């Protein structure tokens, strides 16, 4: 596991360096604020930072010889049920987004994803997490950023 993390980390660092250098050719700043290269540059910086955060513990576990094997049931793509739940929830969001609204569609999807990642959570806890998360996301996009998301049946 540690060798894979190190290899993937270095590949993502190279990708981040490539994207960062190409984004600077787009123009970091424009006359009225951030230019077209602003966001790709900072996403590349975040990618490089996350890659370093993966590489450091992998080097430590490789040096100590504590590279633990990966449990088969924890890998997403070896569990067909997890793949169907993930794809089904995306399809459900696409179906419900306009009619039910963003908050309801996102709450359902986040609830299903929470149950997928943490199966020991009860449905009530997962649903509460999904509802609160979707309301916070809706509030940030609608009121802070000024991006109108579908309201649906809720009077928001």
N, C-alpha and C. Protein backbone atom coordinates (compact mmCIF):
# COMPACT_ATOMS: atom_id res chain seq x y z
N UNK A 1 0.83 -1.19 0.00
CA UNK A 1 0.00 0.00 0.00
C UNK A 1 0.87 1.25 0.00
N UNK A 2 1.97 1.23 0.75
CA UNK A 2 2.81 2.41 0.85
C UNK A 2 3.49 2.72 -0.48
N UNK A 3 3.91 1.68 -1.20
CA UNK A 3 4.57 1.91 -2.49
C UNK A 3 3.59 2.51 -3.49
N UNK A 4 2.35 2.05 -3.45
CA UNK A 4 1.33 2.62 -4.35
C UNK A 4 1.05 4.07 -4.02
N UNK A 5 1.00 4.39 -2.74
CA UNK A 5 0.77 5.77 -2.33
C UNK A 5 1.90 6.68 -2.77
N UNK A 6 3.13 6.19 -2.64
CA UNK A 6 4.28 6.99 -3.05
C UNK A 6 4.26 7.22 -4.55
N UNK A 7 4.00 6.16 -5.31
CA UNK A 7 3.94 6.30 -6.77
C UNK A 7 2.83 7.24 -7.20
N UNK A 8 1.63 7.04 -6.63
CA UNK A 8 0.51 7.92 -6.99
C UNK A 8 0.78 9.36 -6.55
N UNK A 9 1.39 9.54 -5.39
CA UNK A 9 1.70 10.88 -4.92
C UNK A 9 2.64 11.61 -5.85
N UNK A 10 3.69 10.92 -6.29
CA UNK A 10 4.62 11.57 -7.22
C UNK A 10 3.99 11.86 -8.57
N UNK A 11 3.12 10.96 -9.04
CA UNK A 11 2.43 11.22 -10.31
C UNK A 11 1.50 12.43 -10.19
N UNK A 12 0.82 12.56 -9.06
CA UNK A 12 -0.05 13.72 -8.88
C UNK A 12 0.73 15.01 -8.67
N UNK A 13 1.92 14.90 -8.09
CA UNK A 13 2.77 16.09 -8.01
C UNK A 13 3.18 16.54 -9.40
N UNK A 14 3.55 15.59 -10.25
CA UNK A 14 3.90 15.95 -11.63
C UNK A 14 2.71 16.56 -12.36
N UNK A 15 1.51 15.98 -12.16
CA UNK A 15 0.31 16.54 -12.77
C UNK A 15 0.04 17.95 -12.25
N UNK A 16 0.21 18.15 -10.95
CA UNK A 16 0.00 19.47 -10.37
C UNK A 16 0.99 20.49 -10.90
N UNK A 17 2.25 20.09 -11.06
CA UNK A 17 3.25 21.00 -11.63
C UNK A 17 2.92 21.36 -13.07
N UNK A 18 2.46 20.36 -13.84
CA UNK A 18 2.09 20.62 -15.23
C UNK A 18 0.90 21.57 -15.32
N UNK A 19 -0.14 21.28 -14.56
CA UNK A 19 -1.34 22.12 -14.58
C UNK A 19 -1.02 23.53 -14.07
N UNK A 20 -0.21 23.62 -13.02
CA UNK A 20 0.16 24.92 -12.49
C UNK A 20 0.94 25.76 -13.48
N UNK A 21 1.89 25.12 -14.19
CA UNK A 21 2.67 25.88 -15.18
C UNK A 21 1.82 26.29 -16.37
N UNK A 22 0.92 25.42 -16.79
CA UNK A 22 0.05 25.77 -17.92
C UNK A 22 -0.97 26.84 -17.54
N UNK A 23 -1.41 26.84 -16.28
CA UNK A 23 -2.39 27.84 -15.87
C UNK A 23 -1.78 29.24 -15.81
N UNK A 24 -0.50 29.32 -15.55
CA UNK A 24 0.15 30.63 -15.53
C UNK A 24 0.24 31.24 -16.92
N UNK A 25 0.18 30.41 -17.95
CA UNK A 25 0.17 30.93 -19.32
C UNK A 25 -1.18 31.56 -19.66
N UNK A 26 -2.22 31.20 -18.91
CA UNK A 26 -3.55 31.76 -19.17
C UNK A 26 -3.70 33.17 -18.60
N UNK A 27 -2.89 33.53 -17.69
CA UNK A 27 -2.99 34.84 -17.06
C UNK A 27 -3.58 34.72 -15.67
N UNK A 28 -2.75 35.02 -14.68
CA UNK A 28 -3.17 34.88 -13.28
C UNK A 28 -4.19 35.94 -12.89
N UNK A 29 -3.95 37.18 -13.29
CA UNK A 29 -4.86 38.28 -12.96
C UNK A 29 -5.30 38.97 -14.25
N UNK A 30 -6.51 39.52 -14.20
CA UNK A 30 -7.01 40.31 -15.32
C UNK A 30 -7.25 41.74 -14.82
N UNK A 31 -7.81 42.54 -15.67
CA UNK A 31 -8.05 43.94 -15.33
C UNK A 31 -9.02 44.10 -14.17
N UNK A 32 -10.00 43.20 -14.07
CA UNK A 32 -11.07 43.35 -13.08
C UNK A 32 -10.97 42.36 -11.92
N UNK A 33 -9.92 41.57 -11.85
CA UNK A 33 -9.78 40.61 -10.76
C UNK A 33 -9.06 39.36 -11.22
N UNK A 34 -9.39 38.23 -10.62
CA UNK A 34 -8.71 36.99 -11.00
C UNK A 34 -8.92 36.65 -12.46
N UNK A 35 -7.86 36.20 -13.10
CA UNK A 35 -7.92 35.84 -14.51
C UNK A 35 -8.29 34.38 -14.70
N UNK A 36 -8.24 33.91 -15.94
CA UNK A 36 -8.62 32.52 -16.22
C UNK A 36 -7.66 31.49 -15.65
N UNK A 37 -6.44 31.89 -15.31
CA UNK A 37 -5.49 30.95 -14.76
C UNK A 37 -5.48 30.90 -13.24
N UNK A 38 -6.26 31.75 -12.60
CA UNK A 38 -6.26 31.84 -11.13
C UNK A 38 -6.72 30.53 -10.49
N UNK A 39 -7.89 30.04 -10.88
CA UNK A 39 -8.44 28.84 -10.24
C UNK A 39 -7.62 27.58 -10.57
N UNK A 40 -7.24 27.35 -11.83
CA UNK A 40 -6.42 26.16 -12.08
C UNK A 40 -5.09 26.18 -11.33
N UNK A 41 -4.50 27.37 -11.16
CA UNK A 41 -3.24 27.46 -10.43
C UNK A 41 -3.42 27.01 -8.99
N UNK A 42 -4.46 27.52 -8.33
CA UNK A 42 -4.65 27.17 -6.92
C UNK A 42 -5.13 25.73 -6.75
N UNK A 43 -5.87 25.21 -7.72
CA UNK A 43 -6.22 23.79 -7.66
C UNK A 43 -4.98 22.92 -7.80
N UNK A 44 -4.04 23.35 -8.64
CA UNK A 44 -2.78 22.62 -8.78
C UNK A 44 -1.98 22.68 -7.49
N UNK A 45 -1.97 23.82 -6.82
CA UNK A 45 -1.27 23.94 -5.55
C UNK A 45 -1.90 23.01 -4.50
N UNK A 46 -3.22 22.96 -4.47
CA UNK A 46 -3.91 22.07 -3.53
C UNK A 46 -3.61 20.61 -3.85
N UNK A 47 -3.58 20.27 -5.14
CA UNK A 47 -3.25 18.90 -5.55
C UNK A 47 -1.84 18.51 -5.11
N UNK A 48 -0.90 19.42 -5.27
CA UNK A 48 0.47 19.14 -4.85
C UNK A 48 0.52 18.98 -3.33
N UNK A 49 -0.19 19.83 -2.59
CA UNK A 49 -0.22 19.73 -1.13
C UNK A 49 -0.83 18.42 -0.66
N UNK A 50 -1.92 17.99 -1.28
CA UNK A 50 -2.54 16.72 -0.91
C UNK A 50 -1.64 15.54 -1.26
N UNK A 51 -0.92 15.65 -2.36
CA UNK A 51 0.01 14.59 -2.75
C UNK A 51 1.14 14.46 -1.74
N UNK A 52 1.64 15.58 -1.29
CA UNK A 52 2.70 15.54 -0.27
C UNK A 52 2.15 14.95 1.03
N UNK A 53 0.90 15.28 1.34
CA UNK A 53 0.27 14.73 2.55
C UNK A 53 0.06 13.22 2.45
N UNK A 54 0.00 12.68 1.25
CA UNK A 54 -0.11 11.23 1.07
C UNK A 54 1.27 10.58 1.11
N UNK A 55 2.26 11.25 0.54
CA UNK A 55 3.59 10.67 0.43
C UNK A 55 4.29 10.55 1.78
N UNK A 56 4.18 11.55 2.63
CA UNK A 56 4.92 11.56 3.90
C UNK A 56 4.55 10.36 4.79
N UNK A 57 3.25 10.09 5.06
CA UNK A 57 2.95 8.89 5.88
C UNK A 57 3.33 7.59 5.18
N UNK A 58 3.28 7.58 3.85
CA UNK A 58 3.65 6.36 3.13
C UNK A 58 5.14 6.08 3.29
N UNK A 59 5.97 7.13 3.24
CA UNK A 59 7.40 6.95 3.48
C UNK A 59 7.67 6.46 4.90
N UNK A 60 6.94 7.02 5.87
CA UNK A 60 7.13 6.61 7.26
C UNK A 60 6.75 5.15 7.46
N UNK A 61 5.62 4.73 6.89
CA UNK A 61 5.20 3.33 7.07
C UNK A 61 6.11 2.39 6.29
N UNK A 62 6.66 2.84 5.17
CA UNK A 62 7.59 2.01 4.41
C UNK A 62 8.90 1.85 5.17
N UNK A 63 9.36 2.92 5.81
CA UNK A 63 10.60 2.87 6.58
C UNK A 63 10.44 1.97 7.81
N UNK A 64 9.26 2.01 8.44
CA UNK A 64 9.02 1.21 9.64
C UNK A 64 8.61 -0.22 9.30
N UNK A 65 8.27 -0.46 8.04
CA UNK A 65 7.85 -1.80 7.63
C UNK A 65 6.46 -2.15 8.10
N UNK A 66 5.60 -1.15 8.27
CA UNK A 66 4.24 -1.41 8.77
C UNK A 66 3.21 -1.23 7.66
N UNK A 67 3.58 -1.56 6.45
CA UNK A 67 2.64 -1.44 5.35
C UNK A 67 1.57 -2.51 5.51
N UNK A 68 0.35 -2.09 5.81
CA UNK A 68 -0.72 -3.03 6.08
C UNK A 68 -1.47 -3.38 4.80
N UNK A 69 -1.92 -4.61 4.67
CA UNK A 69 -2.67 -4.99 3.47
C UNK A 69 -4.03 -4.32 3.44
N UNK A 70 -4.54 -4.13 2.24
CA UNK A 70 -5.83 -3.48 2.04
C UNK A 70 -6.93 -4.52 2.20
N UNK A 71 -7.93 -4.21 3.01
CA UNK A 71 -9.07 -5.11 3.15
C UNK A 71 -9.91 -5.07 1.88
N UNK A 72 -10.27 -6.24 1.36
CA UNK A 72 -10.99 -6.30 0.08
C UNK A 72 -12.35 -5.61 0.15
N UNK A 73 -13.06 -5.74 1.27
CA UNK A 73 -14.40 -5.17 1.35
C UNK A 73 -14.39 -3.65 1.50
N UNK A 74 -13.24 -3.04 1.77
CA UNK A 74 -13.19 -1.59 1.90
C UNK A 74 -12.96 -0.90 0.56
N UNK A 75 -12.51 -1.63 -0.44
CA UNK A 75 -12.30 -1.02 -1.74
C UNK A 75 -13.64 -0.84 -2.44
N UNK A 76 -13.88 0.36 -2.96
CA UNK A 76 -15.18 0.68 -3.54
C UNK A 76 -15.49 -0.17 -4.76
N UNK A 77 -14.53 -0.36 -5.64
CA UNK A 77 -14.82 -1.01 -6.90
C UNK A 77 -14.78 -2.53 -6.83
N UNK A 78 -14.46 -3.09 -5.67
CA UNK A 78 -14.58 -4.54 -5.52
C UNK A 78 -15.92 -4.91 -4.90
N UNK A 79 -16.69 -3.92 -4.49
CA UNK A 79 -18.01 -4.16 -3.91
C UNK A 79 -19.05 -3.64 -4.89
N UNK A 80 -19.69 -4.52 -5.66
CA UNK A 80 -20.65 -4.05 -6.67
C UNK A 80 -21.83 -3.28 -6.07
N UNK A 81 -22.24 -3.63 -4.86
CA UNK A 81 -23.34 -2.93 -4.23
C UNK A 81 -22.99 -1.46 -4.02
N UNK A 82 -21.78 -1.20 -3.59
CA UNK A 82 -21.34 0.19 -3.36
C UNK A 82 -21.33 0.97 -4.66
N UNK A 83 -20.92 0.35 -5.74
CA UNK A 83 -20.90 1.02 -7.04
C UNK A 83 -22.33 1.35 -7.47
N UNK A 84 -23.25 0.40 -7.30
CA UNK A 84 -24.65 0.65 -7.68
C UNK A 84 -25.30 1.73 -6.83
N UNK A 85 -24.98 1.76 -5.54
CA UNK A 85 -25.53 2.80 -4.67
C UNK A 85 -25.00 4.17 -5.09
N UNK A 86 -23.71 4.25 -5.38
CA UNK A 86 -23.12 5.54 -5.77
C UNK A 86 -23.69 6.02 -7.09
N UNK A 87 -23.75 5.16 -8.09
CA UNK A 87 -24.29 5.56 -9.39
C UNK A 87 -25.80 5.80 -9.32
N UNK A 88 -26.50 4.99 -8.53
CA UNK A 88 -27.94 5.18 -8.39
C UNK A 88 -28.30 6.49 -7.70
N UNK A 89 -27.51 6.88 -6.71
CA UNK A 89 -27.79 8.16 -6.05
C UNK A 89 -27.51 9.33 -6.98
N UNK A 90 -26.49 9.23 -7.82
CA UNK A 90 -26.26 10.29 -8.81
C UNK A 90 -27.41 10.38 -9.80
N UNK A 91 -27.91 9.23 -10.24
CA UNK A 91 -29.06 9.21 -11.15
C UNK A 91 -30.29 9.79 -10.47
N UNK A 92 -30.48 9.48 -9.19
CA UNK A 92 -31.61 10.01 -8.44
C UNK A 92 -31.52 11.52 -8.30
N UNK A 93 -30.34 12.04 -8.06
CA UNK A 93 -30.15 13.49 -7.97
C UNK A 93 -30.51 14.14 -9.31
N UNK A 94 -30.08 13.54 -10.40
CA UNK A 94 -30.39 14.09 -11.72
C UNK A 94 -31.90 14.10 -11.97
N UNK A 95 -32.59 13.09 -11.50
CA UNK A 95 -34.04 13.03 -11.69
C UNK A 95 -34.79 14.03 -10.81
N UNK A 96 -34.33 14.19 -9.58
CA UNK A 96 -35.07 14.99 -8.60
C UNK A 96 -34.65 16.45 -8.54
N UNK A 97 -33.56 16.82 -9.17
CA UNK A 97 -33.00 18.16 -8.96
C UNK A 97 -33.98 19.26 -9.33
N UNK A 98 -34.60 19.20 -10.47
CA UNK A 98 -35.51 20.27 -10.89
C UNK A 98 -36.85 20.20 -10.18
N UNK A 99 -37.39 19.00 -10.00
CA UNK A 99 -38.74 18.89 -9.43
C UNK A 99 -38.74 19.04 -7.91
N UNK A 100 -37.85 18.36 -7.22
CA UNK A 100 -37.85 18.40 -5.76
C UNK A 100 -36.97 19.53 -5.22
N UNK A 101 -35.98 19.94 -5.99
CA UNK A 101 -35.09 21.00 -5.55
C UNK A 101 -33.75 20.47 -5.09
N UNK A 102 -32.81 21.39 -4.97
CA UNK A 102 -31.44 21.01 -4.62
C UNK A 102 -31.36 20.42 -3.22
N UNK A 103 -32.04 21.04 -2.26
CA UNK A 103 -31.90 20.61 -0.87
C UNK A 103 -32.35 19.16 -0.70
N UNK A 104 -33.49 18.81 -1.26
CA UNK A 104 -34.01 17.45 -1.11
C UNK A 104 -33.14 16.46 -1.87
N UNK A 105 -32.79 16.78 -3.12
CA UNK A 105 -31.98 15.87 -3.92
C UNK A 105 -30.60 15.66 -3.31
N UNK A 106 -29.97 16.74 -2.86
CA UNK A 106 -28.64 16.61 -2.26
C UNK A 106 -28.73 15.90 -0.91
N UNK A 107 -29.79 16.14 -0.15
CA UNK A 107 -29.94 15.46 1.15
C UNK A 107 -30.05 13.95 0.95
N UNK A 108 -30.81 13.53 -0.05
CA UNK A 108 -30.93 12.09 -0.32
C UNK A 108 -29.59 11.51 -0.73
N UNK A 109 -28.89 12.20 -1.61
CA UNK A 109 -27.60 11.69 -2.08
C UNK A 109 -26.57 11.64 -0.95
N UNK A 110 -26.49 12.68 -0.15
CA UNK A 110 -25.53 12.70 0.95
C UNK A 110 -25.87 11.64 1.99
N UNK A 111 -27.17 11.42 2.22
CA UNK A 111 -27.58 10.36 3.15
C UNK A 111 -27.13 9.01 2.65
N UNK A 112 -27.33 8.73 1.37
CA UNK A 112 -26.92 7.44 0.81
C UNK A 112 -25.40 7.29 0.83
N UNK A 113 -24.68 8.35 0.50
CA UNK A 113 -23.22 8.29 0.54
C UNK A 113 -22.71 8.09 1.97
N UNK A 114 -23.37 8.72 2.93
CA UNK A 114 -22.96 8.55 4.32
C UNK A 114 -23.16 7.11 4.76
N UNK A 115 -24.29 6.52 4.39
CA UNK A 115 -24.54 5.12 4.72
C UNK A 115 -23.55 4.20 4.00
N UNK A 116 -23.11 4.59 2.82
CA UNK A 116 -22.15 3.78 2.07
C UNK A 116 -20.78 3.83 2.72
N UNK A 117 -20.36 5.01 3.14
CA UNK A 117 -19.04 5.17 3.73
C UNK A 117 -19.02 4.70 5.18
N UNK A 118 -20.06 5.02 5.92
CA UNK A 118 -20.15 4.65 7.34
C UNK A 118 -21.39 3.79 7.56
N UNK A 119 -21.33 2.50 7.27
CA UNK A 119 -22.53 1.65 7.42
C UNK A 119 -22.98 1.50 8.86
N UNK A 120 -22.12 1.81 9.83
CA UNK A 120 -22.53 1.69 11.23
C UNK A 120 -23.38 2.87 11.70
N UNK A 121 -23.47 3.93 10.91
CA UNK A 121 -24.36 5.05 11.25
C UNK A 121 -25.81 4.61 11.08
N UNK A 122 -26.66 5.08 11.98
CA UNK A 122 -28.09 4.81 11.84
C UNK A 122 -28.66 5.69 10.74
N UNK A 123 -29.81 5.28 10.21
CA UNK A 123 -30.43 6.05 9.12
C UNK A 123 -30.77 7.47 9.58
N UNK A 124 -31.20 7.61 10.82
CA UNK A 124 -31.59 8.95 11.31
C UNK A 124 -30.37 9.86 11.35
N UNK A 125 -29.25 9.34 11.82
CA UNK A 125 -28.03 10.14 11.88
C UNK A 125 -27.55 10.49 10.47
N UNK A 126 -27.62 9.54 9.56
CA UNK A 126 -27.20 9.79 8.17
C UNK A 126 -28.12 10.81 7.51
N UNK A 127 -29.44 10.68 7.75
CA UNK A 127 -30.39 11.62 7.15
C UNK A 127 -30.21 13.02 7.73
N UNK A 128 -29.95 13.12 9.02
CA UNK A 128 -29.71 14.43 9.62
C UNK A 128 -28.45 15.06 9.05
N UNK A 129 -27.39 14.27 8.90
CA UNK A 129 -26.16 14.78 8.31
C UNK A 129 -26.41 15.23 6.87
N UNK A 130 -27.17 14.44 6.10
CA UNK A 130 -27.47 14.80 4.72
C UNK A 130 -28.29 16.08 4.62
N UNK A 131 -29.29 16.22 5.47
CA UNK A 131 -30.15 17.40 5.43
C UNK A 131 -29.38 18.65 5.85
N UNK A 132 -28.65 18.58 6.94
CA UNK A 132 -27.89 19.75 7.41
C UNK A 132 -26.83 20.14 6.38
N UNK A 133 -26.14 19.16 5.81
CA UNK A 133 -25.11 19.45 4.81
C UNK A 133 -25.70 20.11 3.58
N UNK A 134 -26.83 19.60 3.10
CA UNK A 134 -27.43 20.18 1.89
C UNK A 134 -27.96 21.59 2.15
N UNK A 135 -28.48 21.86 3.34
CA UNK A 135 -28.95 23.21 3.66
C UNK A 135 -27.77 24.17 3.74
N UNK A 136 -26.66 23.73 4.33
CA UNK A 136 -25.47 24.59 4.40
C UNK A 136 -24.93 24.88 3.00
N UNK A 137 -24.86 23.86 2.17
CA UNK A 137 -24.37 24.05 0.80
C UNK A 137 -25.30 24.98 0.03
N UNK A 138 -26.60 24.79 0.18
CA UNK A 138 -27.57 25.65 -0.50
C UNK A 138 -27.40 27.10 -0.04
N UNK A 139 -27.27 27.29 1.27
CA UNK A 139 -27.10 28.64 1.79
C UNK A 139 -25.83 29.31 1.29
N UNK A 140 -24.74 28.56 1.27
CA UNK A 140 -23.48 29.12 0.76
C UNK A 140 -23.60 29.53 -0.70
N UNK A 141 -24.16 28.65 -1.52
CA UNK A 141 -24.25 28.97 -2.94
C UNK A 141 -25.28 30.07 -3.21
N UNK A 142 -26.43 29.99 -2.56
CA UNK A 142 -27.50 30.92 -2.88
C UNK A 142 -27.27 32.30 -2.27
N UNK A 143 -26.91 32.35 -1.01
CA UNK A 143 -26.86 33.64 -0.32
C UNK A 143 -25.45 34.25 -0.27
N UNK A 144 -24.42 33.43 -0.20
CA UNK A 144 -23.06 33.97 -0.13
C UNK A 144 -22.49 34.20 -1.52
N UNK A 145 -22.59 33.18 -2.39
CA UNK A 145 -22.02 33.29 -3.72
C UNK A 145 -22.99 33.88 -4.75
N UNK A 146 -24.27 33.90 -4.43
CA UNK A 146 -25.25 34.45 -5.35
C UNK A 146 -25.58 33.55 -6.52
N UNK A 147 -25.37 32.24 -6.38
CA UNK A 147 -25.68 31.27 -7.43
C UNK A 147 -27.04 30.66 -7.11
N UNK A 148 -27.99 30.82 -8.01
CA UNK A 148 -29.33 30.30 -7.78
C UNK A 148 -29.37 28.80 -8.08
N UNK A 149 -29.71 28.03 -7.07
CA UNK A 149 -29.89 26.58 -7.23
C UNK A 149 -31.38 26.31 -7.27
N UNK A 150 -31.78 25.19 -7.88
CA UNK A 150 -33.21 24.86 -7.97
C UNK A 150 -33.86 24.77 -6.59
N UNK A 151 -34.97 25.50 -6.41
CA UNK A 151 -35.67 25.51 -5.12
C UNK A 151 -36.58 24.32 -4.96
N UNK A 152 -37.26 23.93 -6.02
CA UNK A 152 -38.18 22.80 -5.95
C UNK A 152 -39.41 23.13 -5.13
N UNK A 153 -39.81 22.23 -4.26
CA UNK A 153 -41.03 22.37 -3.48
C UNK A 153 -40.84 23.14 -2.18
N UNK A 154 -39.58 23.37 -1.78
CA UNK A 154 -39.34 24.08 -0.53
C UNK A 154 -39.36 25.59 -0.74
N UNK A 155 -39.98 26.32 0.17
CA UNK A 155 -40.01 27.80 0.05
C UNK A 155 -38.75 28.44 0.63
N UNK A 156 -37.64 28.34 -0.07
CA UNK A 156 -36.38 28.88 0.42
C UNK A 156 -36.11 30.25 -0.15
